[in-house]
């Protein structure tokens, strides 16, 4: 009997690549696919494309007002029960290999308790041509529930988790309005309660869109420099605030875990602990540590 997998796909104006991704998900081998799609207020042809699959019994479709991708994914995840063998997130513009889910399932079968698996990924362009391999993902495997606050954690599109992990997620539901990045929440919970498994083999293509432009890309000279500084400060403040909110939600779910990340804004001792304590820096690459500490400082200004 094939393992049953619930796959959560949140869409938003993703019409250009969506059909290719849905087909790659439905083409998973040795897995009973149950694809749950929520459209997050698209204004392009995304709903039309999704509608073409409405008669497929493997797919459940819903839509709603735009709430942001993190909350939309959480809406899907927390509306599912723990009756499936495994669970996964899917981004709308990637392409999965046919063995993506079964590879994760086979790795997690060896673990008795809650487990979360993630794999490496190929970087592809708009045409699906391979640009390279992302070899950086496995570095966070040495992080802990404490040092997780200093990393970007695991990309949702690479994640698969088992039934026991899903039961933990259902039992530790946060205030979804505070969860702007679903993958940070799931990976942090996994580091608190279970085993995290990394597969250095790529089982998917992660699409990079060259048309994406960063704020201020059209500004020049000194104006560009000052604009970039403003953007960077905004990102730092947003990032530190996001980690602060997540840490508060983690403490609510696990009262025995005291996180300095919750208290650094008002407590000098906590910020020094974040900077220098081994507990909060274990497994975190030096570059990430420095960036994280700088962001926390900027978030206080």
Foldseek 3Di string as FASTA:
>chain_A
DAFEEEEEEEDAQLPLAQLQAVVLQVLAPSYQAQYEYEYAAHDDCPVVSVVVCVPPPSYDYYYDHHDADQLSRVVVLLVDALPGFKYAYAYRHKHFANHLVVVQSVVCVVPDAKEKEFEWAFEAEPVRHTPGTDQPQPLQLFAALAQLLLDPHHDRNGMMIGSRLSVQCNLQDFPSSLGNHNRSLSRSSCRVTHHYHYHHDHGIYDYDYPPDDDPLPPPDDPVSVVVVVVVVLVVLLVSLVSSLSSVVSVCVRPVVDDHLSVPVLPDVVSLVCCLDPCNNCGSPDPVSSVSNNVSNVSNND
